[in-house]
């Protein structure tokens, strides 16, 4: 599981039929892990730009979205209200 900050959104008019209705957000992972990068994640918890979030990846992302047969590699599974040691950049 990753911690990141939502920095934008993605609009896709054409996508896999199993992703129709899904909202995509751009998440910048925390630099504290030493591997800061931006990823696109499916958002089914209603996160907004600027919020700190928890992101599941791999098969855990598909299970977290209740879509085990969808082509999902990253999903926002929680919005962080507060956390000790989290530095917002």
PDB file of N, CA and C in Angstrom:
ATOM      1  N   UNK A   1       0.850  -1.166   0.000  1.00  0.00           N
ATOM      2  CA  UNK A   1       0.000   0.000   0.000  1.00  0.00           C
ATOM      3  C   UNK A   1       0.899   1.233   0.000  1.00  0.00           C
ATOM      4  N   UNK A   2       0.479   2.249  -0.737  1.00  0.00           N
ATOM      5  CA  UNK A   2       1.248   3.481  -0.875  1.00  0.00           C
ATOM      6  C   UNK A   2       0.493   4.650  -0.265  1.00  0.00           C
ATOM      7  N   UNK A   3       1.240   5.672   0.138  1.00  0.00           N
ATOM      8  CA  UNK A   3       0.662   6.939   0.575  1.00  0.00           C
ATOM      9  C   UNK A   3       1.003   7.959  -0.495  1.00  0.00           C
ATOM     10  N   UNK A   4       0.020   8.765  -0.869  1.00  0.00           N
ATOM     11  CA  UNK A   4       0.269   9.769  -1.889  1.00  0.00           C
ATOM     12  C   UNK A   4      -0.685  10.934  -1.783  1.00  0.00           C
ATOM     13  N   UNK A   5      -0.466  11.909  -2.658  1.00  0.00           N
ATOM     14  CA  UNK A   5      -1.307  13.101  -2.706  1.00  0.00           C
ATOM     15  C   UNK A   5      -1.926  13.192  -4.094  1.00  0.00           C
ATOM     16  N   UNK A   6      -3.228  13.424  -4.143  1.00  0.00           N
ATOM     17  CA  UNK A   6      -3.925  13.568  -5.424  1.00  0.00           C
ATOM     18  C   UNK A   6      -3.541  14.924  -6.011  1.00  0.00           C
ATOM     19  N   UNK A   7      -2.973  14.892  -7.230  1.00  0.00           N
ATOM     20  CA  UNK A   7      -2.500  16.131  -7.854  1.00  0.00           C
ATOM     21  C   UNK A   7      -3.252  16.469  -9.140  1.00  0.00           C
ATOM     22  N   UNK A   8      -4.154  15.603  -9.567  1.00  0.00           N
ATOM     23  CA  UNK A   8      -4.904  15.890 -10.785  1.00  0.00           C
ATOM     24  C   UNK A   8      -5.868  14.774 -11.119  1.00  0.00           C
ATOM     25  N   UNK A   9      -6.542  14.952 -12.235  1.00  0.00           N
ATOM     26  CA  UNK A   9      -7.486  13.928 -12.684  1.00  0.00           C
ATOM     27  C   UNK A   9      -7.233  13.628 -14.151  1.00  0.00           C
ATOM     28  N   UNK A  10      -7.763  12.495 -14.607  1.00  0.00           N
ATOM     29  CA  UNK A  10      -7.613  12.070 -15.989  1.00  0.00           C
ATOM     30  C   UNK A  10      -9.009  11.840 -16.563  1.00  0.00           C
ATOM     31  N   UNK A  11      -9.239  12.370 -17.749  1.00  0.00           N
ATOM     32  CA  UNK A  11     -10.503  12.147 -18.440  1.00  0.00           C
ATOM     33  C   UNK A  11     -10.220  11.264 -19.649  1.00  0.00           C
ATOM     34  N   UNK A  12     -10.969  10.176 -19.762  1.00  0.00           N
ATOM     35  CA  UNK A  12     -10.785   9.230 -20.865  1.00  0.00           C
ATOM     36  C   UNK A  12     -12.149   8.909 -21.463  1.00  0.00           C
ATOM     37  N   UNK A  13     -12.353   9.331 -22.702  1.00  0.00           N
ATOM     38  CA  UNK A  13     -13.648   9.069 -23.334  1.00  0.00           C
ATOM     39  C   UNK A  13     -13.738   7.656 -23.885  1.00  0.00           C
ATOM     40  N   UNK A  14     -12.588   7.032 -24.184  1.00  0.00           N
ATOM     41  CA  UNK A  14     -12.567   5.653 -24.673  1.00  0.00           C
ATOM     42  C   UNK A  14     -11.718   4.836 -23.714  1.00  0.00           C
ATOM     43  N   UNK A  15     -12.299   3.752 -23.223  1.00  0.00           N
ATOM     44  CA  UNK A  15     -11.584   2.886 -22.286  1.00  0.00           C
ATOM     45  C   UNK A  15     -12.194   1.496 -22.297  1.00  0.00           C
ATOM     46  N   UNK A  16     -11.537   0.585 -21.639  1.00  0.00           N
ATOM     47  CA  UNK A  16     -12.025  -0.781 -21.511  1.00  0.00           C
ATOM     48  C   UNK A  16     -13.446  -0.747 -20.963  1.00  0.00           C
ATOM     49  N   UNK A  17     -14.305  -1.599 -21.502  1.00  0.00           N
ATOM     50  CA  UNK A  17     -15.719  -1.590 -21.089  1.00  0.00           C
ATOM     51  C   UNK A  17     -15.903  -1.831 -19.592  1.00  0.00           C
ATOM     52  N   UNK A  18     -14.967  -2.519 -18.948  1.00  0.00           N
ATOM     53  CA  UNK A  18     -15.084  -2.772 -17.510  1.00  0.00           C
ATOM     54  C   UNK A  18     -14.717  -1.552 -16.667  1.00  0.00           C
ATOM     55  N   UNK A  19     -14.181  -0.503 -17.313  1.00  0.00           N
ATOM     56  CA  UNK A  19     -13.797   0.711 -16.601  1.00  0.00           C
ATOM     57  C   UNK A  19     -14.774   1.864 -16.826  1.00  0.00           C
ATOM     58  N   UNK A  20     -15.826   1.621 -17.603  1.00  0.00           N
ATOM     59  CA  UNK A  20     -16.815   2.666 -17.854  1.00  0.00           C
ATOM     60  C   UNK A  20     -17.438   3.092 -16.523  1.00  0.00           C
ATOM     61  N   UNK A  21     -17.471   4.388 -16.284  1.00  0.00           N
ATOM     62  CA  UNK A  21     -18.012   4.922 -15.044  1.00  0.00           C
ATOM     63  C   UNK A  21     -16.967   5.112 -13.960  1.00  0.00           C
ATOM     64  N   UNK A  22     -15.748   4.672 -14.208  1.00  0.00           N
ATOM     65  CA  UNK A  22     -14.679   4.825 -13.216  1.00  0.00           C
ATOM     66  C   UNK A  22     -14.066   6.218 -13.306  1.00  0.00           C
ATOM     67  N   UNK A  23     -13.676   6.746 -12.164  1.00  0.00           N
ATOM     68  CA  UNK A  23     -13.013   8.045 -12.065  1.00  0.00           C
ATOM     69  C   UNK A  23     -11.522   7.788 -11.885  1.00  0.00           C
ATOM     70  N   UNK A  24     -10.693   8.483 -12.657  1.00  0.00           N
ATOM     71  CA  UNK A  24      -9.240   8.307 -12.582  1.00  0.00           C
ATOM     72  C   UNK A  24      -8.580   9.550 -12.008  1.00  0.00           C
ATOM     73  N   UNK A  25      -7.673   9.354 -11.061  1.00  0.00           N
ATOM     74  CA  UNK A  25      -6.952  10.463 -10.445  1.00  0.00           C
ATOM     75  C   UNK A  25      -5.448  10.242 -10.586  1.00  0.00           C
ATOM     76  N   UNK A  26      -4.696  11.339 -10.666  1.00  0.00           N
ATOM     77  CA  UNK A  26      -3.238  11.269 -10.684  1.00  0.00           C
ATOM     78  C   UNK A  26      -2.769  11.430  -9.244  1.00  0.00           C
ATOM     79  N   UNK A  27      -1.994  10.456  -8.777  1.00  0.00           N
ATOM     80  CA  UNK A  27      -1.507  10.454  -7.395  1.00  0.00           C
ATOM     81  C   UNK A  27       0.014  10.514  -7.409  1.00  0.00           C
ATOM     82  N   UNK A  28       0.564  11.456  -6.669  1.00  0.00           N
ATOM     83  CA  UNK A  28       2.016  11.562  -6.510  1.00  0.00           C
ATOM     84  C   UNK A  28       2.375  10.868  -5.201  1.00  0.00           C
ATOM     85  N   UNK A  29       3.126   9.782  -5.304  1.00  0.00           N
ATOM     86  CA  UNK A  29       3.482   9.031  -4.101  1.00  0.00           C
ATOM     87  C   UNK A  29       4.458   9.840  -3.257  1.00  0.00           C
ATOM     88  N   UNK A  30       4.482   9.565  -1.962  1.00  0.00           N
ATOM     89  CA  UNK A  30       5.328  10.313  -1.033  1.00  0.00           C
ATOM     90  C   UNK A  30       6.801  10.090  -1.331  1.00  0.00           C
ATOM     91  N   UNK A  31       7.558  11.172  -1.299  1.00  0.00           N
ATOM     92  CA  UNK A  31       9.003  11.110  -1.537  1.00  0.00           C
ATOM     93  C   UNK A  31       9.719  10.406  -0.396  1.00  0.00           C
ATOM     94  N   UNK A  32       9.083  10.305   0.768  1.00  0.00           N
ATOM     95  CA  UNK A  32       9.708   9.676   1.932  1.00  0.00           C
ATOM     96  C   UNK A  32      10.052   8.220   1.677  1.00  0.00           C
ATOM     97  N   UNK A  33       9.363   7.592   0.755  1.00  0.00           N
ATOM     98  CA  UNK A  33       9.658   6.192   0.452  1.00  0.00           C
ATOM     99  C   UNK A  33      10.906   6.068  -0.409  1.00  0.00           C
ATOM    100  N   UNK A  34      11.418   7.196  -0.889  1.00  0.00           N
ATOM    101  CA  UNK A  34      12.598   7.179  -1.739  1.00  0.00           C
ATOM    102  C   UNK A  34      12.281   6.843  -3.180  1.00  0.00           C
ATOM    103  N   UNK A  35      11.011   6.735  -3.501  1.00  0.00           N
ATOM    104  CA  UNK A  35      10.604   6.337  -4.846  1.00  0.00           C
ATOM    105  C   UNK A  35       9.409   7.163  -5.297  1.00  0.00           C
ATOM    106  N   UNK A  36       9.531   8.495  -5.216  1.00  0.00           N
ATOM    107  CA  UNK A  36       8.424   9.374  -5.579  1.00  0.00           C
ATOM    108  C   UNK A  36       8.143   9.289  -7.076  1.00  0.00           C
ATOM    109  N   UNK A  37       6.876   9.105  -7.418  1.00  0.00           N
ATOM    110  CA  UNK A  37       6.465   9.056  -8.813  1.00  0.00           C
ATOM    111  C   UNK A  37       4.980   9.375  -8.891  1.00  0.00           C
ATOM    112  N   UNK A  38       4.498   9.590 -10.098  1.00  0.00           N
ATOM    113  CA  UNK A  38       3.070   9.834 -10.313  1.00  0.00           C
ATOM    114  C   UNK A  38       2.455   8.602 -10.958  1.00  0.00           C
ATOM    115  N   UNK A  39       1.295   8.230 -10.437  1.00  0.00           N
ATOM    116  CA  UNK A  39       0.570   7.084 -10.971  1.00  0.00           C
ATOM    117  C   UNK A  39      -0.882   7.480 -11.199  1.00  0.00           C
ATOM    118  N   UNK A  40      -1.549   6.738 -12.067  1.00  0.00           N
ATOM    119  CA  UNK A  40      -2.985   6.928 -12.280  1.00  0.00           C
ATOM    120  C   UNK A  40      -3.695   5.834 -11.488  1.00  0.00           C
ATOM    121  N   UNK A  41      -4.658   6.249 -10.678  1.00  0.00           N
ATOM    122  CA  UNK A  41      -5.384   5.291  -9.833  1.00  0.00           C
ATOM    123  C   UNK A  41      -6.886   5.480  -9.989  1.00  0.00           C
ATOM    124  N   UNK A  42      -7.600   4.381  -9.980  1.00  0.00           N
ATOM    125  CA  UNK A  42      -9.060   4.429  -9.972  1.00  0.00           C
ATOM    126  C   UNK A  42      -9.502   4.943  -8.606  1.00  0.00           C
ATOM    127  N   UNK A  43     -10.464   5.845  -8.608  1.00  0.00           N
ATOM    128  CA  UNK A  43     -10.945   6.429  -7.343  1.00  0.00           C
ATOM    129  C   UNK A  43     -12.404   6.067  -7.139  1.00  0.00           C
ATOM    130  N   UNK A  44     -12.667   5.199  -6.173  1.00  0.00           N
ATOM    131  CA  UNK A  44     -14.064   4.893  -5.859  1.00  0.00           C
ATOM    132  C   UNK A  44     -14.426   5.317  -4.442  1.00  0.00           C
ATOM    133  N   UNK A  45     -13.590   6.188  -3.836  1.00  0.00           N
ATOM    134  CA  UNK A  45     -13.900   6.702  -2.498  1.00  0.00           C
ATOM    135  C   UNK A  45     -14.190   8.202  -2.520  1.00  0.00           C
ATOM    136  N   UNK A  46     -14.078   8.846  -3.679  1.00  0.00           N
ATOM    137  CA  UNK A  46     -14.412  10.259  -3.793  1.00  0.00           C
ATOM    138  C   UNK A  46     -13.320  11.206  -3.349  1.00  0.00           C
ATOM    139  N   UNK A  47     -12.069  10.859  -3.579  1.00  0.00           N
ATOM    140  CA  UNK A  47     -10.952  11.732  -3.208  1.00  0.00           C
ATOM    141  C   UNK A  47     -10.921  12.958  -4.113  1.00  0.00           C
ATOM    142  N   UNK A  48     -10.430  14.045  -3.570  1.00  0.00           N
ATOM    143  CA  UNK A  48     -10.323  15.273  -4.344  1.00  0.00           C
ATOM    144  C   UNK A  48      -8.878  15.704  -4.482  1.00  0.00           C
ATOM    145  N   UNK A  49      -8.641  16.621  -5.402  1.00  0.00           N
ATOM    146  CA  UNK A  49      -7.290  17.136  -5.624  1.00  0.00           C
ATOM    147  C   UNK A  49      -6.795  17.806  -4.345  1.00  0.00           C
ATOM    148  N   UNK A  50      -5.565  17.478  -3.963  1.00  0.00           N
ATOM    149  CA  UNK A  50      -4.949  18.030  -2.762  1.00  0.00           C
ATOM    150  C   UNK A  50      -5.056  17.131  -1.544  1.00  0.00           C
ATOM    151  N   UNK A  51      -5.847  16.064  -1.626  1.00  0.00           N
ATOM    152  CA  UNK A  51      -6.018  15.178  -0.472  1.00  0.00           C
ATOM    153  C   UNK A  51      -4.945  14.102  -0.433  1.00  0.00           C
ATOM    154  N   UNK A  52      -4.543  13.716   0.771  1.00  0.00           N
ATOM    155  CA  UNK A  52      -3.629  12.609   0.982  1.00  0.00           C
ATOM    156  C   UNK A  52      -4.460  11.328   0.984  1.00  0.00           C
ATOM    157  N   UNK A  53      -3.969  10.295   0.291  1.00  0.00           N
ATOM    158  CA  UNK A  53      -4.748   9.072   0.109  1.00  0.00           C
ATOM    159  C   UNK A  53      -3.898   7.820   0.311  1.00  0.00           C
ATOM    160  N   UNK A  54      -4.590   6.699   0.520  1.00  0.00           N
ATOM    161  CA  UNK A  54      -3.978   5.375   0.546  1.00  0.00           C
ATOM    162  C   UNK A  54      -4.275   4.725  -0.798  1.00  0.00           C
ATOM    163  N   UNK A  55      -3.251   4.139  -1.412  1.00  0.00           N
ATOM    164  CA  UNK A  55      -3.404   3.525  -2.717  1.00  0.00           C
ATOM    165  C   UNK A  55      -2.990   2.056  -2.649  1.00  0.00           C
ATOM    166  N   UNK A  56      -3.880   1.190  -3.066  1.00  0.00           N
ATOM    167  CA  UNK A  56      -3.557  -0.236  -3.185  1.00  0.00           C
ATOM    168  C   UNK A  56      -3.120  -0.484  -4.618  1.00  0.00           C
ATOM    169  N   UNK A  57      -2.170  -1.413  -4.801  1.00  0.00           N
ATOM    170  CA  UNK A  57      -1.683  -1.714  -6.142  1.00  0.00           C
ATOM    171  C   UNK A  57      -1.789  -3.214  -6.421  1.00  0.00           C
ATOM    172  N   UNK A  58      -1.687  -3.551  -7.687  1.00  0.00           N
ATOM    173  CA  UNK A  58      -1.737  -4.953  -8.092  1.00  0.00           C
ATOM    174  C   UNK A  58      -3.107  -5.570  -7.881  1.00  0.00           C
ATOM    175  N   UNK A  59      -3.130  -6.850  -7.545  1.00  0.00           N
ATOM    176  CA  UNK A  59      -4.403  -7.546  -7.381  1.00  0.00           C
ATOM    177  C   UNK A  59      -5.216  -6.981  -6.219  1.00  0.00           C
ATOM    178  N   UNK A  60      -4.559  -6.404  -5.223  1.00  0.00           N
ATOM    179  CA  UNK A  60      -5.281  -5.786  -4.099  1.00  0.00           C
ATOM    180  C   UNK A  60      -6.116  -4.597  -4.573  1.00  0.00           C
ATOM    181  N   UNK A  61      -5.668  -3.907  -5.612  1.00  0.00           N
ATOM    182  CA  UNK A  61      -6.427  -2.777  -6.158  1.00  0.00           C
ATOM    183  C   UNK A  61      -7.723  -3.267  -6.798  1.00  0.00           C
ATOM    184  N   UNK A  62      -7.645  -4.351  -7.540  1.00  0.00           N
ATOM    185  CA  UNK A  62      -8.854  -4.893  -8.181  1.00  0.00           C
ATOM    186  C   UNK A  62      -9.846  -5.399  -7.138  1.00  0.00           C
ATOM    187  N   UNK A  63      -9.349  -6.060  -6.115  1.00  0.00           N
ATOM    188  CA  UNK A  63     -10.217  -6.571  -5.056  1.00  0.00           C
ATOM    189  C   UNK A  63     -10.822  -5.409  -4.273  1.00  0.00           C
ATOM    190  N   UNK A  64     -10.015  -4.362  -4.012  1.00  0.00           N
ATOM    191  CA  UNK A  64     -10.499  -3.186  -3.279  1.00  0.00           C
ATOM    192  C   UNK A  64     -11.596  -2.440  -4.004  1.00  0.00           C
ATOM    193  N   UNK A  65     -11.613  -2.553  -5.320  1.00  0.00           N
ATOM    194  CA  UNK A  65     -12.659  -1.914  -6.135  1.00  0.00           C
ATOM    195  C   UNK A  65     -13.831  -2.852  -6.389  1.00  0.00           C
ATOM    196  N   UNK A  66     -13.738  -4.073  -5.897  1.00  0.00           N
ATOM    197  CA  UNK A  66     -14.750  -5.104  -6.133  1.00  0.00           C
ATOM    198  C   UNK A  66     -14.924  -5.365  -7.627  1.00  0.00           C
ATOM    199  N   UNK A  67     -13.788  -5.337  -8.358  1.00  0.00           N
ATOM    200  CA  UNK A  67     -13.777  -5.604  -9.792  1.00  0.00           C
ATOM    201  C   UNK A  67     -12.604  -6.539 -10.104  1.00  0.00           C
ATOM    202  N   UNK A  68     -12.651  -7.784  -9.640  1.00  0.00           N
ATOM    203  CA  UNK A  68     -11.497  -8.678  -9.781  1.00  0.00           C
ATOM    204  C   UNK A  68     -11.086  -9.014 -11.210  1.00  0.00           C
ATOM    205  N   UNK A  69     -11.954  -8.767 -12.179  1.00  0.00           N
ATOM    206  CA  UNK A  69     -11.591  -9.080 -13.563  1.00  0.00           C
ATOM    207  C   UNK A  69     -11.331  -7.829 -14.413  1.00  0.00           C
ATOM    208  N   UNK A  70     -11.225  -6.656 -13.776  1.00  0.00           N
ATOM    209  CA  UNK A  70     -10.975  -5.413 -14.498  1.00  0.00           C
ATOM    210  C   UNK A  70      -9.477  -5.130 -14.598  1.00  0.00           C
ATOM    211  N   UNK A  71      -9.056  -4.393 -15.626  1.00  0.00           N
ATOM    212  CA  UNK A  71      -7.639  -4.067 -15.786  1.00  0.00           C
ATOM    213  C   UNK A  71      -7.222  -2.885 -14.899  1.00  0.00           C
ATOM    214  N   UNK A  72      -7.234  -3.102 -13.600  1.00  0.00           N
ATOM    215  CA  UNK A  72      -6.894  -2.059 -12.629  1.00  0.00           C
ATOM    216  C   UNK A  72      -5.599  -2.446 -11.937  1.00  0.00           C
ATOM    217  N   UNK A  73      -4.628  -1.521 -11.930  1.00  0.00           N
ATOM    218  CA  UNK A  73      -3.341  -1.775 -11.285  1.00  0.00           C
ATOM    219  C   UNK A  73      -3.148  -0.931 -10.030  1.00  0.00           C
ATOM    220  N   UNK A  74      -3.930   0.164  -9.887  1.00  0.00           N
ATOM    221  CA  UNK A  74      -3.831   1.021  -8.707  1.00  0.00           C
ATOM    222  C   UNK A  74      -5.209   1.590  -8.391  1.00  0.00           C
ATOM    223  N   UNK A  75      -5.553   1.622  -7.107  1.00  0.00           N
ATOM    224  CA  UNK A  75      -6.865   2.137  -6.698  1.00  0.00           C
ATOM    225  C   UNK A  75      -6.736   2.901  -5.394  1.00  0.00           C
ATOM    226  N   UNK A  76      -7.399   4.034  -5.332  1.00  0.00           N
ATOM    227  CA  UNK A  76      -7.465   4.794  -4.088  1.00  0.00           C
ATOM    228  C   UNK A  76      -8.472   4.086  -3.195  1.00  0.00           C
ATOM    229  N   UNK A  77      -8.014   3.636  -2.028  1.00  0.00           N
ATOM    230  CA  UNK A  77      -8.877   2.867  -1.133  1.00  0.00           C
ATOM    231  C   UNK A  77      -9.165   3.602   0.178  1.00  0.00           C
ATOM    232  N   UNK A  78      -8.571   4.774   0.365  1.00  0.00           N
ATOM    233  CA  UNK A  78      -8.838   5.532   1.585  1.00  0.00           C
ATOM    234  C   UNK A  78      -8.320   6.953   1.483  1.00  0.00           C
ATOM    235  N   UNK A  79      -8.976   7.848   2.214  1.00  0.00           N
ATOM    236  CA  UNK A  79      -8.541   9.239   2.325  1.00  0.00           C
ATOM    237  C   UNK A  79      -7.955   9.409   3.717  1.00  0.00           C
ATOM    238  N   UNK A  80      -6.737   9.943   3.794  1.00  0.00           N
ATOM    239  CA  UNK A  80      -6.043  10.088   5.074  1.00  0.00           C
ATOM    240  C   UNK A  80      -6.487  11.381   5.749  1.00  0.00           C
ATOM    241  N   UNK A  81      -7.003  11.261   6.975  1.00  0.00           N
ATOM    242  CA  UNK A  81      -7.393  12.435   7.749  1.00  0.00           C
ATOM    243  C   UNK A  81      -6.187  13.020   8.479  1.00  0.00           C
ATOM    244  N   UNK A  82      -5.363  12.144   9.049  1.00  0.00           N
ATOM    245  CA  UNK A  82      -4.140  12.596   9.717  1.00  0.00           C
ATOM    246  C   UNK A  82      -3.204  11.408   9.839  1.00  0.00           C
ATOM    247  N   UNK A  83      -1.933  11.698   9.991  1.00  0.00           N
ATOM    248  CA  UNK A  83      -0.953  10.633  10.127  1.00  0.00           C
ATOM    249  C   UNK A  83       0.340  11.166  10.714  1.00  0.00           C
ATOM    250  N   UNK A  84       0.919  10.433  11.607  1.00  0.00           N
ATOM    251  CA  UNK A  84       2.180  10.836  12.218  1.00  0.00           C
ATOM    252  C   UNK A  84       3.300  10.551  11.240  1.00  0.00           C
ATOM    253  N   UNK A  85       4.142  11.532  10.993  1.00  0.00           N
ATOM    254  CA  UNK A  85       5.294  11.352  10.125  1.00  0.00           C
ATOM    255  C   UNK A  85       5.022  11.569   8.648  1.00  0.00           C
ATOM    256  N   UNK A  86       3.796  11.958   8.284  1.00  0.00           N
ATOM    257  CA  UNK A  86       3.485  12.213   6.880  1.00  0.00           C
ATOM    258  C   UNK A  86       3.824  13.668   6.578  1.00  0.00           C
ATOM    259  N   UNK A  87       4.674  13.869   5.612  1.00  0.00           N
ATOM    260  CA  UNK A  87       5.065  15.215   5.214  1.00  0.00           C
ATOM    261  C   UNK A  87       4.380  15.536   3.901  1.00  0.00           C
ATOM    262  N   UNK A  88       3.527  16.556   3.910  1.00  0.00           N
ATOM    263  CA  UNK A  88       2.880  16.991   2.677  1.00  0.00           C
ATOM    264  C   UNK A  88       3.813  17.948   1.971  1.00  0.00           C
ATOM    265  N   UNK A  89       4.075  17.683   0.698  1.00  0.00           N
ATOM    266  CA  UNK A  89       5.009  18.512  -0.051  1.00  0.00           C
ATOM    267  C   UNK A  89       4.266  19.474  -0.939  1.00  0.00           C
TER     268      UNK A  89
END
